[in-house]
Amino acid sequence: MTMTDELIEQFNRLDEAQQQRLLNFARILTKTPKVQGEPGTRIVQAVGFFDAQALDEIEAAINEGTEDIDWRGWE
């Protein structure tokens, strides 16, 4: 199924008021300028702070440190 097909399918499931809201949003979205960012690798190369190994270590630390939630830590 293409994205267009799926969009039409989802649109047809909405009631008339929801369809109008979606249409209004789509009209606004088409008038909004596209935001283009920079790939992270390009920023890292430009800044030069981190090498690939350091980035891998940072990613591993984030992944390890975010697996568990300490619910009591917020009290």
N, C-alpha and C. Protein backbone atom coordinates (compact mmCIF):
# COMPACT_ATOMS: atom_id res chain seq x y z
N MET A 1 0.85 -1.17 0.00
CA MET A 1 0.00 0.00 0.00
C MET A 1 0.90 1.24 0.00
N THR A 2 0.61 2.17 -0.85
CA THR A 2 1.40 3.40 -0.89
C THR A 2 0.97 4.33 0.24
N MET A 3 1.79 5.32 0.50
CA MET A 3 1.46 6.29 1.53
C MET A 3 0.17 7.04 1.17
N THR A 4 0.00 7.35 -0.10
CA THR A 4 -1.22 8.03 -0.54
C THR A 4 -2.45 7.16 -0.29
N ASP A 5 -2.35 5.88 -0.61
CA ASP A 5 -3.46 4.96 -0.37
C ASP A 5 -3.80 4.90 1.12
N GLU A 6 -2.77 4.81 1.94
CA GLU A 6 -3.01 4.72 3.38
C GLU A 6 -3.61 6.02 3.90
N LEU A 7 -3.14 7.15 3.40
CA LEU A 7 -3.68 8.44 3.83
C LEU A 7 -5.16 8.54 3.47
N ILE A 8 -5.51 8.15 2.27
CA ILE A 8 -6.91 8.19 1.84
C ILE A 8 -7.75 7.24 2.68
N GLU A 9 -7.21 6.06 2.96
CA GLU A 9 -7.93 5.09 3.78
C GLU A 9 -8.21 5.65 5.18
N GLN A 10 -7.20 6.25 5.79
CA GLN A 10 -7.38 6.83 7.11
C GLN A 10 -8.34 8.02 7.06
N PHE A 11 -8.22 8.84 6.03
CA PHE A 11 -9.10 9.99 5.85
C PHE A 11 -10.56 9.54 5.78
N ASN A 12 -10.82 8.49 5.05
CA ASN A 12 -12.19 8.00 4.88
C ASN A 12 -12.77 7.44 6.18
N ARG A 13 -11.95 7.12 7.14
CA ARG A 13 -12.43 6.62 8.43
C ARG A 13 -12.86 7.74 9.37
N LEU A 14 -12.50 8.97 9.03
CA LEU A 14 -12.81 10.11 9.88
C LEU A 14 -14.22 10.62 9.61
N ASP A 15 -14.82 11.23 10.65
CA ASP A 15 -16.11 11.88 10.40
C ASP A 15 -15.86 13.21 9.70
N GLU A 16 -16.92 13.89 9.27
CA GLU A 16 -16.77 15.09 8.46
C GLU A 16 -16.00 16.20 9.18
N ALA A 17 -16.24 16.38 10.47
CA ALA A 17 -15.54 17.41 11.23
C ALA A 17 -14.04 17.10 11.31
N GLN A 18 -13.70 15.84 11.52
CA GLN A 18 -12.29 15.44 11.58
C GLN A 18 -11.63 15.62 10.22
N GLN A 19 -12.36 15.28 9.15
CA GLN A 19 -11.82 15.46 7.81
C GLN A 19 -11.53 16.94 7.54
N GLN A 20 -12.42 17.83 8.00
CA GLN A 20 -12.20 19.25 7.81
C GLN A 20 -10.96 19.73 8.56
N ARG A 21 -10.78 19.24 9.80
CA ARG A 21 -9.59 19.60 10.59
C ARG A 21 -8.33 19.13 9.89
N LEU A 22 -8.36 17.90 9.37
CA LEU A 22 -7.19 17.36 8.67
C LEU A 22 -6.90 18.16 7.41
N LEU A 23 -7.93 18.53 6.68
CA LEU A 23 -7.75 19.33 5.48
C LEU A 23 -7.15 20.69 5.82
N ASN A 24 -7.66 21.32 6.87
CA ASN A 24 -7.10 22.60 7.30
C ASN A 24 -5.63 22.46 7.67
N PHE A 25 -5.30 21.38 8.40
CA PHE A 25 -3.91 21.14 8.78
C PHE A 25 -3.04 20.94 7.53
N ALA A 26 -3.53 20.17 6.57
CA ALA A 26 -2.76 19.92 5.35
C ALA A 26 -2.52 21.22 4.59
N ARG A 27 -3.51 22.09 4.56
CA ARG A 27 -3.33 23.39 3.89
C ARG A 27 -2.26 24.22 4.58
N ILE A 28 -2.28 24.23 5.90
CA ILE A 28 -1.26 24.97 6.66
C ILE A 28 0.11 24.35 6.42
N LEU A 29 0.17 23.03 6.45
CA LEU A 29 1.44 22.33 6.29
C LEU A 29 2.08 22.61 4.93
N THR A 30 1.27 22.68 3.90
CA THR A 30 1.83 22.94 2.57
C THR A 30 2.39 24.35 2.43
N LYS A 31 1.97 25.25 3.30
CA LYS A 31 2.47 26.63 3.26
C LYS A 31 3.65 26.84 4.20
N THR A 32 3.97 25.84 4.97
CA THR A 32 5.07 25.92 5.93
C THR A 32 6.38 25.59 5.23
N PRO A 33 7.39 26.44 5.40
CA PRO A 33 8.67 26.12 4.75
C PRO A 33 9.26 24.83 5.29
N LYS A 34 9.92 24.11 4.41
CA LYS A 34 10.57 22.86 4.82
C LYS A 34 11.78 23.19 5.68
N VAL A 35 11.91 22.45 6.76
CA VAL A 35 13.05 22.63 7.66
C VAL A 35 14.07 21.57 7.31
N GLN A 36 15.26 22.00 6.96
CA GLN A 36 16.32 21.05 6.64
C GLN A 36 17.41 21.17 7.69
N GLY A 37 17.70 20.09 8.29
CA GLY A 37 18.75 20.06 9.29
C GLY A 37 20.04 19.54 8.68
N GLU A 38 20.97 19.39 9.54
CA GLU A 38 22.26 18.84 9.14
C GLU A 38 22.40 17.45 9.72
N PRO A 39 22.94 16.51 8.96
CA PRO A 39 23.19 15.18 9.52
C PRO A 39 24.17 15.29 10.70
N GLY A 40 23.96 14.49 11.69
CA GLY A 40 24.82 14.53 12.87
C GLY A 40 26.28 14.33 12.55
N THR A 41 26.57 13.45 11.59
CA THR A 41 27.97 13.20 11.24
C THR A 41 28.64 14.45 10.68
N ARG A 42 27.88 15.24 9.95
CA ARG A 42 28.44 16.46 9.38
C ARG A 42 28.74 17.48 10.48
N ILE A 43 27.85 17.56 11.45
CA ILE A 43 28.07 18.48 12.56
C ILE A 43 29.29 18.05 13.37
N VAL A 44 29.39 16.77 13.63
CA VAL A 44 30.53 16.25 14.40
C VAL A 44 31.83 16.54 13.66
N GLN A 45 31.83 16.34 12.36
CA GLN A 45 33.04 16.61 11.58
C GLN A 45 33.40 18.09 11.63
N ALA A 46 32.39 18.94 11.55
CA ALA A 46 32.65 20.37 11.55
C ALA A 46 33.17 20.84 12.91
N VAL A 47 32.62 20.30 13.97
CA VAL A 47 33.02 20.71 15.31
C VAL A 47 34.30 20.01 15.73
N GLY A 48 34.39 18.72 15.42
CA GLY A 48 35.60 17.97 15.71
C GLY A 48 35.77 17.56 17.15
N PHE A 49 34.72 17.66 17.96
CA PHE A 49 34.84 17.31 19.38
C PHE A 49 34.92 15.81 19.61
N PHE A 50 34.19 15.04 18.83
CA PHE A 50 34.06 13.62 19.10
C PHE A 50 34.52 12.81 17.91
N ASP A 51 35.18 11.71 18.21
CA ASP A 51 35.49 10.77 17.16
C ASP A 51 34.45 9.65 17.22
N ALA A 52 34.51 8.73 16.27
CA ALA A 52 33.51 7.67 16.19
C ALA A 52 33.47 6.83 17.45
N GLN A 53 34.63 6.54 18.05
CA GLN A 53 34.68 5.72 19.26
C GLN A 53 33.99 6.45 20.41
N ALA A 54 34.24 7.74 20.55
CA ALA A 54 33.61 8.51 21.63
C ALA A 54 32.10 8.52 21.46
N LEU A 55 31.64 8.68 20.24
CA LEU A 55 30.19 8.68 19.99
C LEU A 55 29.58 7.32 20.31
N ASP A 56 30.29 6.24 19.99
CA ASP A 56 29.81 4.91 20.33
C ASP A 56 29.71 4.75 21.84
N GLU A 57 30.70 5.27 22.57
CA GLU A 57 30.68 5.18 24.03
C GLU A 57 29.53 6.01 24.62
N ILE A 58 29.29 7.18 24.06
CA ILE A 58 28.18 8.01 24.52
C ILE A 58 26.86 7.31 24.29
N GLU A 59 26.69 6.74 23.09
CA GLU A 59 25.46 6.02 22.77
C GLU A 59 25.25 4.84 23.71
N ALA A 60 26.32 4.09 23.98
CA ALA A 60 26.22 2.94 24.89
C ALA A 60 25.83 3.40 26.29
N ALA A 61 26.41 4.50 26.76
CA ALA A 61 26.09 5.01 28.09
C ALA A 61 24.64 5.45 28.17
N ILE A 62 24.14 6.08 27.13
CA ILE A 62 22.74 6.50 27.11
C ILE A 62 21.83 5.28 27.14
N ASN A 63 22.14 4.29 26.31
CA ASN A 63 21.32 3.09 26.25
C ASN A 63 21.33 2.33 27.57
N GLU A 64 22.48 2.25 28.20
CA GLU A 64 22.58 1.54 29.47
C GLU A 64 21.88 2.30 30.59
N GLY A 65 21.96 3.61 30.56
CA GLY A 65 21.42 4.42 31.64
C GLY A 65 19.94 4.71 31.54
N THR A 66 19.31 4.31 30.45
CA THR A 66 17.89 4.63 30.28
C THR A 66 17.00 3.40 30.24
N GLU A 67 17.54 2.25 30.56
CA GLU A 67 16.72 1.05 30.51
C GLU A 67 15.79 0.92 31.70
N ASP A 68 16.22 1.40 32.85
CA ASP A 68 15.42 1.26 34.06
C ASP A 68 14.98 2.64 34.53
N ILE A 69 13.79 2.68 35.10
CA ILE A 69 13.26 3.92 35.66
C ILE A 69 13.25 3.80 37.17
N ASP A 70 13.84 4.76 37.82
CA ASP A 70 13.84 4.81 39.29
C ASP A 70 12.67 5.69 39.72
N TRP A 71 11.50 5.05 39.90
CA TRP A 71 10.29 5.80 40.23
C TRP A 71 10.43 6.55 41.55
N ARG A 72 11.19 6.02 42.48
CA ARG A 72 11.37 6.68 43.77
C ARG A 72 12.34 7.85 43.68
N GLY A 73 13.11 7.90 42.62
CA GLY A 73 14.08 8.97 42.45
C GLY A 73 13.44 10.34 42.24
N TRP A 74 12.15 10.36 41.94
CA TRP A 74 11.45 11.62 41.69
C TRP A 74 10.75 12.15 42.92
N GLU A 75 10.80 11.42 44.01
CA GLU A 75 10.09 11.84 45.22
C GLU A 75 10.87 12.89 45.97
